[in-house]
Full PDB file with SEQRES, HELIX, SHEET, SSBOND, CRYST1, ORIGX, SCALE, CONECT and MASTER records, all heavy atoms in Angstrom:
SEQRES   1 A   41  TYR GLU LYS TYR VAL CYS GLN PHE SER CYS PRO GLU ASP          
SEQRES   2 A   41  GLN MET ARG GLU PHE ALA GLU GLN GLY PHE ARG MET GLY          
SEQRES   3 A   41  ALA HIS LYS ALA PHE LEU PHE SER ARG THR LEU THR LYS          
SEQRES   4 A   41  PHE THR                                                      
HELIX    1 AA1 GLU A    2  VAL A    5  1                                   4    
HELIX    2 AA2 PRO A   11  GLN A   21  1                                  11    
HELIX    3 AA3 ALA A   27  LEU A   37  1                                  11    
CRYST1    1.000    1.000    1.000  90.00  90.00  90.00 P 1           1          
ORIGX1      1.000000  0.000000  0.000000        0.00000                         
ORIGX2      0.000000  1.000000  0.000000        0.00000                         
ORIGX3      0.000000  0.000000  1.000000        0.00000                         
SCALE1      1.000000  0.000000  0.000000        0.00000                         
SCALE2      0.000000  1.000000  0.000000        0.00000                         
SCALE3      0.000000  0.000000  1.000000        0.00000                         
ATOM      1  N   TYR A   1     107.214 119.939 103.613  1.00  0.00           N  
ATOM      2  CA  TYR A   1     106.729 119.771 102.203  1.00  0.00           C  
ATOM      3  C   TYR A   1     106.280 118.284 102.056  1.00  0.00           C  
ATOM      4  O   TYR A   1     105.194 118.009 101.449  1.00  0.00           O  
ATOM      5  CB  TYR A   1     107.799 120.048 101.169  1.00  0.00           C  
ATOM      6  CG  TYR A   1     107.637 119.411  99.853  1.00  0.00           C  
ATOM      7  CD1 TYR A   1     106.604 119.746  99.025  1.00  0.00           C  
ATOM      8  CD2 TYR A   1     108.528 118.445  99.418  1.00  0.00           C  
ATOM      9  CE1 TYR A   1     106.410 119.170  97.775  1.00  0.00           C  
ATOM     10  CE2 TYR A   1     108.325 117.830  98.273  1.00  0.00           C  
ATOM     11  CZ  TYR A   1     107.281 118.214  97.434  1.00  0.00           C  
ATOM     12  OH  TYR A   1     107.136 117.538  96.200  1.00  0.00           O  
ATOM     13  N   GLU A   2     107.125 117.348 102.518  1.00  0.00           N  
ATOM     14  CA  GLU A   2     106.825 115.877 102.345  1.00  0.00           C  
ATOM     15  C   GLU A   2     105.554 115.530 103.079  1.00  0.00           C  
ATOM     16  O   GLU A   2     104.670 114.790 102.379  1.00  0.00           O  
ATOM     17  CB  GLU A   2     107.978 115.131 102.852  1.00  0.00           C  
ATOM     18  CG  GLU A   2     107.887 113.665 102.538  1.00  0.00           C  
ATOM     19  CD  GLU A   2     109.104 112.819 102.914  1.00  0.00           C  
ATOM     20  OE1 GLU A   2     110.058 113.509 103.513  1.00  0.00           O  
ATOM     21  OE2 GLU A   2     109.263 111.643 102.533  1.00  0.00           O  
ATOM     22  N   LYS A   3     105.339 116.033 104.262  1.00  0.00           N  
ATOM     23  CA  LYS A   3     104.136 115.652 105.027  1.00  0.00           C  
ATOM     24  C   LYS A   3     102.910 116.293 104.336  1.00  0.00           C  
ATOM     25  O   LYS A   3     101.884 115.675 104.314  1.00  0.00           O  
ATOM     26  CB  LYS A   3     104.287 116.132 106.442  1.00  0.00           C  
ATOM     27  CG  LYS A   3     103.084 115.889 107.368  1.00  0.00           C  
ATOM     28  CD  LYS A   3     103.270 116.395 108.770  1.00  0.00           C  
ATOM     29  CE  LYS A   3     102.146 116.037 109.692  1.00  0.00           C  
ATOM     30  NZ  LYS A   3     102.293 116.593 111.066  1.00  0.00           N  
ATOM     31  N   TYR A   4     103.059 117.486 103.843  1.00  0.00           N  
ATOM     32  CA  TYR A   4     101.884 118.126 103.203  1.00  0.00           C  
ATOM     33  C   TYR A   4     101.484 117.559 101.936  1.00  0.00           C  
ATOM     34  O   TYR A   4     100.346 117.209 101.661  1.00  0.00           O  
ATOM     35  CB  TYR A   4     102.272 119.635 103.055  1.00  0.00           C  
ATOM     36  CG  TYR A   4     101.263 120.380 102.180  1.00  0.00           C  
ATOM     37  CD1 TYR A   4     100.097 120.847 102.784  1.00  0.00           C  
ATOM     38  CD2 TYR A   4     101.491 120.637 100.877  1.00  0.00           C  
ATOM     39  CE1 TYR A   4      99.135 121.649 101.997  1.00  0.00           C  
ATOM     40  CE2 TYR A   4     100.598 121.363 100.135  1.00  0.00           C  
ATOM     41  CZ  TYR A   4      99.440 121.811 100.700  1.00  0.00           C  
ATOM     42  OH  TYR A   4      98.502 122.503  99.922  1.00  0.00           O  
ATOM     43  N   VAL A   5     102.448 117.361 101.031  1.00  0.00           N  
ATOM     44  CA  VAL A   5     102.039 116.965  99.689  1.00  0.00           C  
ATOM     45  C   VAL A   5     101.484 115.584  99.542  1.00  0.00           C  
ATOM     46  O   VAL A   5     100.558 115.296  98.678  1.00  0.00           O  
ATOM     47  CB  VAL A   5     103.357 117.092  98.723  1.00  0.00           C  
ATOM     48  CG1 VAL A   5     104.284 115.984  99.025  1.00  0.00           C  
ATOM     49  CG2 VAL A   5     102.953 117.090  97.198  1.00  0.00           C  
ATOM     50  N   CYS A   6     101.813 114.701 100.494  1.00  0.00           N  
ATOM     51  CA  CYS A   6     101.334 113.271 100.367  1.00  0.00           C  
ATOM     52  C   CYS A   6      99.835 113.179 100.726  1.00  0.00           C  
ATOM     53  O   CYS A   6      99.252 112.113 100.585  1.00  0.00           O  
ATOM     54  CB  CYS A   6     102.150 112.318 101.191  1.00  0.00           C  
ATOM     55  SG  CYS A   6     102.027 112.618 102.983  1.00  0.00           S  
ATOM     56  N   GLN A   7      99.199 114.230 101.268  1.00  0.00           N  
ATOM     57  CA  GLN A   7      97.884 114.262 101.520  1.00  0.00           C  
ATOM     58  C   GLN A   7      96.966 114.285 100.320  1.00  0.00           C  
ATOM     59  O   GLN A   7      95.746 113.913 100.432  1.00  0.00           O  
ATOM     60  CB  GLN A   7      97.402 115.466 102.417  1.00  0.00           C  
ATOM     61  CG  GLN A   7      98.208 115.664 103.713  1.00  0.00           C  
ATOM     62  CD  GLN A   7      97.888 116.986 104.288  1.00  0.00           C  
ATOM     63  OE1 GLN A   7      96.661 117.321 104.548  1.00  0.00           O  
ATOM     64  NE2 GLN A   7      98.921 117.780 104.666  1.00  0.00           N  
ATOM     65  N   PHE A   8      97.460 114.629  99.156  1.00  0.00           N  
ATOM     66  CA  PHE A   8      96.679 114.845  98.015  1.00  0.00           C  
ATOM     67  C   PHE A   8      96.832 113.814  96.935  1.00  0.00           C  
ATOM     68  O   PHE A   8      97.962 113.275  96.790  1.00  0.00           O  
ATOM     69  CB  PHE A   8      96.966 116.216  97.385  1.00  0.00           C  
ATOM     70  CG  PHE A   8      96.762 117.371  98.361  1.00  0.00           C  
ATOM     71  CD1 PHE A   8      97.924 117.905  99.047  1.00  0.00           C  
ATOM     72  CD2 PHE A   8      95.571 117.885  98.649  1.00  0.00           C  
ATOM     73  CE1 PHE A   8      97.774 118.886  99.990  1.00  0.00           C  
ATOM     74  CE2 PHE A   8      95.396 118.923  99.553  1.00  0.00           C  
ATOM     75  CZ  PHE A   8      96.491 119.407 100.170  1.00  0.00           C  
ATOM     76  N   SER A   9      95.750 113.536  96.260  1.00  0.00           N  
ATOM     77  CA  SER A   9      95.811 112.382  95.238  1.00  0.00           C  
ATOM     78  C   SER A   9      96.389 112.901  93.926  1.00  0.00           C  
ATOM     79  O   SER A   9      96.773 112.076  93.112  1.00  0.00           O  
ATOM     80  CB  SER A   9      94.426 111.848  94.992  1.00  0.00           C  
ATOM     81  OG  SER A   9      93.611 112.817  94.582  1.00  0.00           O  
ATOM     82  N   CYS A  10      96.412 114.172  93.690  1.00  0.00           N  
ATOM     83  CA  CYS A  10      96.872 114.714  92.399  1.00  0.00           C  
ATOM     84  C   CYS A  10      97.260 116.174  92.641  1.00  0.00           C  
ATOM     85  O   CYS A  10      96.830 116.911  93.542  1.00  0.00           O  
ATOM     86  CB  CYS A  10      95.782 114.600  91.284  1.00  0.00           C  
ATOM     87  SG  CYS A  10      94.326 115.529  91.708  1.00  0.00           S  
ATOM     88  N   PRO A  11      98.023 116.714  91.661  1.00  0.00           N  
ATOM     89  CA  PRO A  11      98.521 118.123  91.784  1.00  0.00           C  
ATOM     90  C   PRO A  11      97.250 119.104  91.733  1.00  0.00           C  
ATOM     91  O   PRO A  11      97.337 120.138  92.439  1.00  0.00           O  
ATOM     92  CB  PRO A  11      99.357 118.314  90.508  1.00  0.00           C  
ATOM     93  CG  PRO A  11      99.871 116.908  90.232  1.00  0.00           C  
ATOM     94  CD  PRO A  11      98.726 115.983  90.617  1.00  0.00           C  
ATOM     95  N   GLU A  12      96.258 118.754  90.965  1.00  0.00           N  
ATOM     96  CA  GLU A  12      95.167 119.665  90.882  1.00  0.00           C  
ATOM     97  C   GLU A  12      94.453 119.904  92.243  1.00  0.00           C  
ATOM     98  O   GLU A  12      94.055 120.967  92.574  1.00  0.00           O  
ATOM     99  CB  GLU A  12      94.151 119.188  89.877  1.00  0.00           C  
ATOM    100  CG  GLU A  12      94.554 119.250  88.426  1.00  0.00           C  
ATOM    101  CD  GLU A  12      95.467 118.087  87.989  1.00  0.00           C  
ATOM    102  OE1 GLU A  12      95.734 117.159  88.872  1.00  0.00           O  
ATOM    103  OE2 GLU A  12      95.911 118.043  86.853  1.00  0.00           O  
ATOM    104  N   ASP A  13      94.287 118.814  93.005  1.00  0.00           N  
ATOM    105  CA  ASP A  13      93.726 118.892  94.334  1.00  0.00           C  
ATOM    106  C   ASP A  13      94.614 119.791  95.285  1.00  0.00           C  
ATOM    107  O   ASP A  13      94.094 120.614  96.049  1.00  0.00           O  
ATOM    108  CB  ASP A  13      93.582 117.504  94.973  1.00  0.00           C  
ATOM    109  CG  ASP A  13      92.488 116.698  94.348  1.00  0.00           C  
ATOM    110  OD1 ASP A  13      91.733 117.285  93.629  1.00  0.00           O  
ATOM    111  OD2 ASP A  13      92.368 115.475  94.598  1.00  0.00           O  
ATOM    112  N   GLN A  14      95.883 119.610  95.146  1.00  0.00           N  
ATOM    113  CA  GLN A  14      96.827 120.394  95.956  1.00  0.00           C  
ATOM    114  C   GLN A  14      96.711 121.879  95.603  1.00  0.00           C  
ATOM    115  O   GLN A  14      96.670 122.727  96.550  1.00  0.00           O  
ATOM    116  CB  GLN A  14      98.284 119.893  95.784  1.00  0.00           C  
ATOM    117  CG  GLN A  14      99.283 120.600  96.739  1.00  0.00           C  
ATOM    118  CD  GLN A  14      99.753 121.886  96.228  1.00  0.00           C  
ATOM    119  OE1 GLN A  14     100.127 122.079  95.043  1.00  0.00           O  
ATOM    120  NE2 GLN A  14      99.925 122.863  97.177  1.00  0.00           N  
ATOM    121  N   MET A  15      96.623 122.215  94.356  1.00  0.00           N  
ATOM    122  CA  MET A  15      96.587 123.616  93.936  1.00  0.00           C  
ATOM    123  C   MET A  15      95.207 124.239  94.413  1.00  0.00           C  
ATOM    124  O   MET A  15      95.258 125.458  94.876  1.00  0.00           O  
ATOM    125  CB  MET A  15      96.681 123.719  92.430  1.00  0.00           C  
ATOM    126  CG  MET A  15      98.059 123.346  91.907  1.00  0.00           C  
ATOM    127  SD  MET A  15      98.208 123.680  90.138  1.00  0.00           S  
ATOM    128  CE  MET A  15      98.295 125.545  90.097  1.00  0.00           C  
ATOM    129  N   ARG A  16      94.164 123.426  94.436  1.00  0.00           N  
ATOM    130  CA  ARG A  16      92.821 124.015  94.879  1.00  0.00           C  
ATOM    131  C   ARG A  16      92.995 124.279  96.410  1.00  0.00           C  
ATOM    132  O   ARG A  16      92.532 125.354  96.843  1.00  0.00           O  
ATOM    133  CB  ARG A  16      91.750 123.001  94.575  1.00  0.00           C  
ATOM    134  CG  ARG A  16      91.222 123.088  93.170  1.00  0.00           C  
ATOM    135  CD  ARG A  16      89.952 122.327  93.038  1.00  0.00           C  
ATOM    136  NE  ARG A  16      90.154 120.875  93.128  1.00  0.00           N  
ATOM    137  CZ  ARG A  16      90.396 120.071  92.119  1.00  0.00           C  
ATOM    138  NH1 ARG A  16      90.587 120.515  90.893  1.00  0.00           N  
ATOM    139  NH2 ARG A  16      90.548 118.766  92.337  1.00  0.00           N  
ATOM    140  N   GLU A  17      93.590 123.340  97.141  1.00  0.00           N  
ATOM    141  CA  GLU A  17      93.648 123.522  98.562  1.00  0.00           C  
ATOM    142  C   GLU A  17      94.574 124.762  98.880  1.00  0.00           C  
ATOM    143  O   GLU A  17      94.311 125.548  99.830  1.00  0.00           O  
ATOM    144  CB  GLU A  17      94.270 122.271  99.238  1.00  0.00           C  
ATOM    145  CG  GLU A  17      94.143 122.247 100.762  1.00  0.00           C  
ATOM    146  CD  GLU A  17      95.273 122.888 101.433  1.00  0.00           C  
ATOM    147  OE1 GLU A  17      96.300 123.298 100.798  1.00  0.00           O  
ATOM    148  OE2 GLU A  17      95.135 123.037 102.643  1.00  0.00           O  
ATOM    149  N   PHE A  18      95.658 124.912  98.133  1.00  0.00           N  
ATOM    150  CA  PHE A  18      96.576 126.049  98.372  1.00  0.00           C  
ATOM    151  C   PHE A  18      95.904 127.328  98.093  1.00  0.00           C  
ATOM    152  O   PHE A  18      96.038 128.378  98.858  1.00  0.00           O  
ATOM    153  CB  PHE A  18      97.805 125.829  97.448  1.00  0.00           C  
ATOM    154  CG  PHE A  18      98.878 126.858  97.787  1.00  0.00           C  
ATOM    155  CD1 PHE A  18      99.757 126.638  98.815  1.00  0.00           C  
ATOM    156  CD2 PHE A  18      99.121 127.901  96.926  1.00  0.00           C  
ATOM    157  CE1 PHE A  18     100.860 127.580  99.043  1.00  0.00           C  
ATOM    158  CE2 PHE A  18     100.122 128.920  97.210  1.00  0.00           C  
ATOM    159  CZ  PHE A  18     100.931 128.619  98.243  1.00  0.00           C  
ATOM    160  N   ALA A  19      95.053 127.439  97.032  1.00  0.00           N  
ATOM    161  CA  ALA A  19      94.349 128.592  96.741  1.00  0.00           C  
ATOM    162  C   ALA A  19      93.339 128.993  97.828  1.00  0.00           C  
ATOM    163  O   ALA A  19      93.139 130.182  98.141  1.00  0.00           O  
ATOM    164  CB  ALA A  19      93.629 128.508  95.406  1.00  0.00           C  
ATOM    165  N   GLU A  20      92.761 127.940  98.424  1.00  0.00           N  
ATOM    166  CA  GLU A  20      91.683 128.171  99.476  1.00  0.00           C  
ATOM    167  C   GLU A  20      92.291 128.527 100.816  1.00  0.00           C  
ATOM    168  O   GLU A  20      91.786 129.460 101.497  1.00  0.00           O  
ATOM    169  CB  GLU A  20      90.802 126.920  99.620  1.00  0.00           C  
ATOM    170  CG  GLU A  20      89.998 126.547  98.381  1.00  0.00           C  
ATOM    171  CD  GLU A  20      89.417 125.160  98.477  1.00  0.00           C  
ATOM    172  OE1 GLU A  20      89.630 124.460  99.481  1.00  0.00           O  
ATOM    173  OE2 GLU A  20      88.655 124.798  97.539  1.00  0.00           O  
ATOM    174  N   GLN A  21      93.408 127.896 101.157  1.00  0.00           N  
ATOM    175  CA  GLN A  21      93.969 128.067 102.492  1.00  0.00           C  
ATOM    176  C   GLN A  21      94.980 129.065 102.582  1.00  0.00           C  
ATOM    177  O   GLN A  21      95.456 129.525 103.684  1.00  0.00           O  
ATOM    178  CB  GLN A  21      94.494 126.695 102.978  1.00  0.00           C  
ATOM    179  CG  GLN A  21      93.467 125.630 103.131  1.00  0.00           C  
ATOM    180  CD  GLN A  21      92.385 125.891 104.066  1.00  0.00           C  
ATOM    181  OE1 GLN A  21      92.614 126.525 105.119  1.00  0.00           O  
ATOM    182  NE2 GLN A  21      91.134 125.498 103.686  1.00  0.00           N  
ATOM    183  N   GLY A  22      95.657 129.474 101.420  1.00  0.00           N  
ATOM    184  CA  GLY A  22      96.667 130.562 101.468  1.00  0.00           C  
ATOM    185  C   GLY A  22      98.081 129.952 101.695  1.00  0.00           C  
ATOM    186  O   GLY A  22      98.274 128.784 101.818  1.00  0.00           O  
ATOM    187  N   PHE A  23      98.965 130.884 101.689  1.00  0.00           N  
ATOM    188  CA  PHE A  23     100.427 130.502 101.653  1.00  0.00           C  
ATOM    189  C   PHE A  23     100.882 129.891 103.026  1.00  0.00           C  
ATOM    190  O   PHE A  23     100.570 130.394 104.075  1.00  0.00           O  
ATOM    191  CB  PHE A  23     101.240 131.761 101.399  1.00  0.00           C  
ATOM    192  CG  PHE A  23     102.776 131.450 101.275  1.00  0.00           C  
ATOM    193  CD1 PHE A  23     103.295 131.218 100.047  1.00  0.00           C  
ATOM    194  CD2 PHE A  23     103.576 131.421 102.451  1.00  0.00           C  
ATOM    195  CE1 PHE A  23     104.658 130.928  99.927  1.00  0.00           C  
ATOM    196  CE2 PHE A  23     104.919 131.185 102.369  1.00  0.00           C  
ATOM    197  CZ  PHE A  23     105.469 130.850 101.099  1.00  0.00           C  
ATOM    198  N   ARG A  24     101.648 128.787 102.895  1.00  0.00           N  
ATOM    199  CA  ARG A  24     102.317 128.117 103.996  1.00  0.00           C  
ATOM    200  C   ARG A  24     103.588 127.536 103.466  1.00  0.00           C  
ATOM    201  O   ARG A  24     103.686 127.057 102.334  1.00  0.00           O  
ATOM    202  CB  ARG A  24     101.508 127.051 104.670  1.00  0.00           C  
ATOM    203  CG  ARG A  24     100.323 127.428 105.459  1.00  0.00           C  
ATOM    204  CD  ARG A  24      99.089 126.556 105.261  1.00  0.00           C  
ATOM    205  NE  ARG A  24      98.589 126.736 103.967  1.00  0.00           N  
ATOM    206  CZ  ARG A  24      97.994 125.705 103.244  1.00  0.00           C  
ATOM    207  NH1 ARG A  24      97.796 124.556 103.846  1.00  0.00           N  
ATOM    208  NH2 ARG A  24      97.576 125.880 102.040  1.00  0.00           N  
ATOM    209  N   MET A  25     104.675 127.689 104.262  1.00  0.00           N  
ATOM    210  CA  MET A  25     105.931 126.985 103.818  1.00  0.00           C  
ATOM    211  C   MET A  25     105.742 125.490 103.727  1.00  0.00           C  
ATOM    212  O   MET A  25     104.951 124.927 104.455  1.00  0.00           O  
ATOM    213  CB  MET A  25     107.054 127.328 104.797  1.00  0.00           C  
ATOM    214  CG  MET A  25     107.567 128.779 104.794  1.00  0.00           C  
ATOM    215  SD  MET A  25     108.194 129.323 103.258  1.00  0.00           S  
ATOM    216  CE  MET A  25     109.575 128.286 103.021  1.00  0.00           C  
ATOM    217  N   GLY A  26     106.373 124.889 102.797  1.00  0.00           N  
ATOM    218  CA  GLY A  26     106.172 123.487 102.468  1.00  0.00           C  
ATOM    219  C   GLY A  26     105.068 123.324 101.554  1.00  0.00           C  
ATOM    220  O   GLY A  26     105.309 122.774 100.465  1.00  0.00           O  
ATOM    221  N   ALA A  27     103.925 123.958 101.819  1.00  0.00           N  
ATOM    222  CA  ALA A  27     102.809 123.941 100.894  1.00  0.00           C  
ATOM    223  C   ALA A  27     103.216 124.714  99.673  1.00  0.00           C  
ATOM    224  O   ALA A  27     102.756 124.371  98.500  1.00  0.00           O  
ATOM    225  CB  ALA A  27     101.546 124.498 101.469  1.00  0.00           C  
ATOM    226  N   HIS A  28     103.974 125.778  99.794  1.00  0.00           N  
ATOM    227  CA  HIS A  28     104.351 126.550  98.690  1.00  0.00           C  
ATOM    228  C   HIS A  28     105.256 125.801  97.673  1.00  0.00           C  
ATOM    229  O   HIS A  28     105.091 125.995  96.469  1.00  0.00           O  
ATOM    230  CB  HIS A  28     105.120 127.906  99.073  1.00  0.00           C  
ATOM    231  CG  HIS A  28     106.587 127.724  99.266  1.00  0.00           C  
ATOM    232  ND1 HIS A  28     107.139 126.979 100.300  1.00  0.00           N  
ATOM    233  CD2 HIS A  28     107.575 128.204  98.570  1.00  0.00           C  
ATOM    234  CE1 HIS A  28     108.446 127.033 100.179  1.00  0.00           C  
ATOM    235  NE2 HIS A  28     108.789 127.763  99.141  1.00  0.00           N  
ATOM    236  N   LYS A  29     106.116 124.939  98.143  1.00  0.00           N  
ATOM    237  CA  LYS A  29     106.987 124.116  97.338  1.00  0.00           C  
ATOM    238  C   LYS A  29     106.058 123.147  96.523  1.00  0.00           C  
ATOM    239  O   LYS A  29     106.271 122.922  95.328  1.00  0.00           O  
ATOM    240  CB  LYS A  29     107.977 123.411  98.116  1.00  0.00           C  
ATOM    241  CG  LYS A  29     109.018 122.623  97.326  1.00  0.00           C  
ATOM    242  CD  LYS A  29     109.800 123.394  96.413  1.00  0.00           C  
ATOM    243  CE  LYS A  29     110.793 124.266  97.131  1.00  0.00           C  
ATOM    244  NZ  LYS A  29     111.808 124.855  96.168  1.00  0.00           N  
ATOM    245  N   ALA A  30     105.057 122.584  97.227  1.00  0.00           N  
ATOM    246  CA  ALA A  30     104.094 121.735  96.510  1.00  0.00           C  
ATOM    247  C   ALA A  30     103.423 122.458  95.438  1.00  0.00           C  
ATOM    248  O   ALA A  30     103.221 121.916  94.329  1.00  0.00           O  
ATOM    249  CB  ALA A  30     103.147 121.124  97.498  1.00  0.00           C  
ATOM    250  N   PHE A  31     102.929 123.574  95.721  1.00  0.00           N  
ATOM    251  CA  PHE A  31     102.248 124.488  94.760  1.00  0.00           C  
ATOM    252  C   PHE A  31     103.215 124.741  93.527  1.00  0.00           C  
ATOM    253  O   PHE A  31     102.800 124.662  92.324  1.00  0.00           O  
ATOM    254  CB  PHE A  31     101.932 125.790  95.313  1.00  0.00           C  
ATOM    255  CG  PHE A  31     101.360 126.876  94.331  1.00  0.00           C  
ATOM    256  CD1 PHE A  31     100.093 126.705  93.809  1.00  0.00           C  
ATOM    257  CD2 PHE A  31     102.201 127.806  93.889  1.00  0.00           C  
ATOM    258  CE1 PHE A  31      99.632 127.673  92.967  1.00  0.00           C  
ATOM    259  CE2 PHE A  31     101.751 128.774  92.988  1.00  0.00           C  
ATOM    260  CZ  PHE A  31     100.480 128.651  92.498  1.00  0.00           C  
ATOM    261  N   LEU A  32     104.503 125.027  93.736  1.00  0.00           N  
ATOM    262  CA  LEU A  32     105.469 125.274  92.618  1.00  0.00           C  
ATOM    263  C   LEU A  32     105.614 124.056  91.792  1.00  0.00           C  
ATOM    264  O   LEU A  32     105.638 124.101  90.579  1.00  0.00           O  
ATOM    265  CB  LEU A  32     106.765 125.765  93.155  1.00  0.00           C  
ATOM    266  CG  LEU A  32     106.749 127.142  93.825  1.00  0.00           C  
ATOM    267  CD1 LEU A  32     108.054 127.478  94.505  1.00  0.00           C  
ATOM    268  CD2 LEU A  32     106.422 128.264  92.754  1.00  0.00           C  
ATOM    269  N   PHE A  33     105.705 122.923  92.401  1.00  0.00           N  
ATOM    270  CA  PHE A  33     105.750 121.599  91.681  1.00  0.00           C  
ATOM    271  C   PHE A  33     104.459 121.445  90.812  1.00  0.00           C  
ATOM    272  O   PHE A  33     104.511 121.171  89.662  1.00  0.00           O  
ATOM    273  CB  PHE A  33     105.905 120.474  92.674  1.00  0.00           C  
ATOM    274  CG  PHE A  33     107.318 119.942  92.819  1.00  0.00           C  
ATOM    275  CD1 PHE A  33     107.910 119.931  94.128  1.00  0.00           C  
ATOM    276  CD2 PHE A  33     108.079 119.444  91.784  1.00  0.00           C  
ATOM    277  CE1 PHE A  33     109.250 119.516  94.284  1.00  0.00           C  
ATOM    278  CE2 PHE A  33     109.357 119.064  92.036  1.00  0.00           C  
ATOM    279  CZ  PHE A  33     109.934 119.123  93.259  1.00  0.00           C  
ATOM    280  N   SER A  34     103.335 121.541  91.515  1.00  0.00           N  
ATOM    281  CA  SER A  34     102.030 121.372  90.890  1.00  0.00           C  
ATOM    282  C   SER A  34     101.824 122.210  89.684  1.00  0.00           C  
ATOM    283  O   SER A  34     101.187 121.855  88.748  1.00  0.00           O  
ATOM    284  CB  SER A  34     100.943 121.463  91.914  1.00  0.00           C  
ATOM    285  OG  SER A  34     101.000 120.492  92.882  1.00  0.00           O  
ATOM    286  N   ARG A  35     102.171 123.484  89.838  1.00  0.00           N  
ATOM    287  CA  ARG A  35     102.056 124.394  88.700  1.00  0.00           C  
ATOM    288  C   ARG A  35     102.703 123.897  87.450  1.00  0.00           C  
ATOM    289  O   ARG A  35     102.184 124.139  86.343  1.00  0.00           O  
ATOM    290  CB  ARG A  35     102.630 125.800  89.131  1.00  0.00           C  
ATOM    291  CG  ARG A  35     102.319 126.830  88.219  1.00  0.00           C  
ATOM    292  CD  ARG A  35     102.699 128.205  88.773  1.00  0.00           C  
ATOM    293  NE  ARG A  35     104.001 128.292  89.074  1.00  0.00           N  
ATOM    294  CZ  ARG A  35     104.692 129.433  89.618  1.00  0.00           C  
ATOM    295  NH1 ARG A  35     103.959 130.443  89.934  1.00  0.00           N  
ATOM    296  NH2 ARG A  35     105.960 129.438  89.821  1.00  0.00           N  
ATOM    297  N   THR A  36     103.795 123.168  87.631  1.00  0.00           N  
ATOM    298  CA  THR A  36     104.512 122.680  86.480  1.00  0.00           C  
ATOM    299  C   THR A  36     103.868 121.337  86.022  1.00  0.00           C  
ATOM    300  O   THR A  36     103.616 121.040  84.846  1.00  0.00           O  
ATOM    301  CB  THR A  36     105.965 122.391  86.770  1.00  0.00           C  
ATOM    302  OG1 THR A  36     106.595 123.597  87.104  1.00  0.00           O  
ATOM    303  CG2 THR A  36     106.680 121.872  85.553  1.00  0.00           C  
ATOM    304  N   LEU A  37     103.495 120.478  87.026  1.00  0.00           N  
ATOM    305  CA  LEU A  37     103.008 119.123  86.742  1.00  0.00           C  
ATOM    306  C   LEU A  37     101.606 119.128  86.034  1.00  0.00           C  
ATOM    307  O   LEU A  37     101.289 118.204  85.330  1.00  0.00           O  
ATOM    308  CB  LEU A  37     102.935 118.304  88.021  1.00  0.00           C  
ATOM    309  CG  LEU A  37     104.209 117.998  88.686  1.00  0.00           C  
ATOM    310  CD1 LEU A  37     103.996 117.430  90.052  1.00  0.00           C  
ATOM    311  CD2 LEU A  37     105.118 117.088  87.851  1.00  0.00           C  
ATOM    312  N   THR A  38     100.887 120.268  86.334  1.00  0.00           N  
ATOM    313  CA  THR A  38      99.534 120.340  85.645  1.00  0.00           C  
ATOM    314  C   THR A  38      99.640 120.793  84.134  1.00  0.00           C  
ATOM    315  O   THR A  38      98.642 120.796  83.475  1.00  0.00           O  
ATOM    316  CB  THR A  38      98.642 121.307  86.437  1.00  0.00           C  
ATOM    317  OG1 THR A  38      99.198 122.489  86.543  1.00  0.00           O  
ATOM    318  CG2 THR A  38      98.300 120.729  87.735  1.00  0.00           C  
ATOM    319  N   LYS A  39     100.847 121.220  83.708  1.00  0.00           N  
ATOM    320  CA  LYS A  39     100.999 121.728  82.400  1.00  0.00           C  
ATOM    321  C   LYS A  39     101.891 120.914  81.430  1.00  0.00           C  
ATOM    322  O   LYS A  39     101.778 121.061  80.275  1.00  0.00           O  
ATOM    323  CB  LYS A  39     101.594 123.162  82.417  1.00  0.00           C  
ATOM    324  CG  LYS A  39     100.673 124.224  83.172  1.00  0.00           C  
ATOM    325  CD  LYS A  39     101.346 125.528  83.309  1.00  0.00           C  
ATOM    326  CE  LYS A  39     100.576 126.585  84.065  1.00  0.00           C  
ATOM    327  NZ  LYS A  39     101.278 127.917  84.161  1.00  0.00           N  
ATOM    328  N   PHE A  40     102.665 120.048  82.071  1.00  0.00           N  
ATOM    329  CA  PHE A  40     103.642 119.265  81.332  1.00  0.00           C  
ATOM    330  C   PHE A  40     103.734 117.818  81.718  1.00  0.00           C  
ATOM    331  O   PHE A  40     103.345 117.474  82.907  1.00  0.00           O  
ATOM    332  CB  PHE A  40     105.082 119.918  81.495  1.00  0.00           C  
ATOM    333  CG  PHE A  40     105.136 121.373  81.156  1.00  0.00           C  
ATOM    334  CD1 PHE A  40     105.057 122.319  82.187  1.00  0.00           C  
ATOM    335  CD2 PHE A  40     105.314 121.796  79.901  1.00  0.00           C  
ATOM    336  CE1 PHE A  40     105.095 123.697  81.892  1.00  0.00           C  
ATOM    337  CE2 PHE A  40     105.353 123.184  79.535  1.00  0.00           C  
ATOM    338  CZ  PHE A  40     105.241 124.133  80.600  1.00  0.00           C  
ATOM    339  N   THR A  41     104.194 116.961  80.862  1.00  0.00           N  
ATOM    340  CA  THR A  41     104.504 115.581  81.332  1.00  0.00           C  
ATOM    341  C   THR A  41     105.855 115.599  81.885  1.00  0.00           C  
ATOM    342  O   THR A  41     106.849 116.032  81.263  1.00  0.00           O  
ATOM    343  CB  THR A  41     104.469 114.648  80.084  1.00  0.00           C  
ATOM    344  OG1 THR A  41     103.124 114.618  79.564  1.00  0.00           O  
ATOM    345  CG2 THR A  41     104.868 113.299  80.403  1.00  0.00           C  
TER     346      THR A  41                                                      
MASTER        0    0    0    3    0    0    0    6  345    1    0    4          
END                                                                             
């Protein structure tokens, strides 16, 4: 998860990549974080 998430500048970029590339462990945890971070402070 740590290696994957630091590649992106913002949660929105990470969510787009996850949607394009499909499910991967580590990436899924970043997606779950991003899903919250894009909706709340």
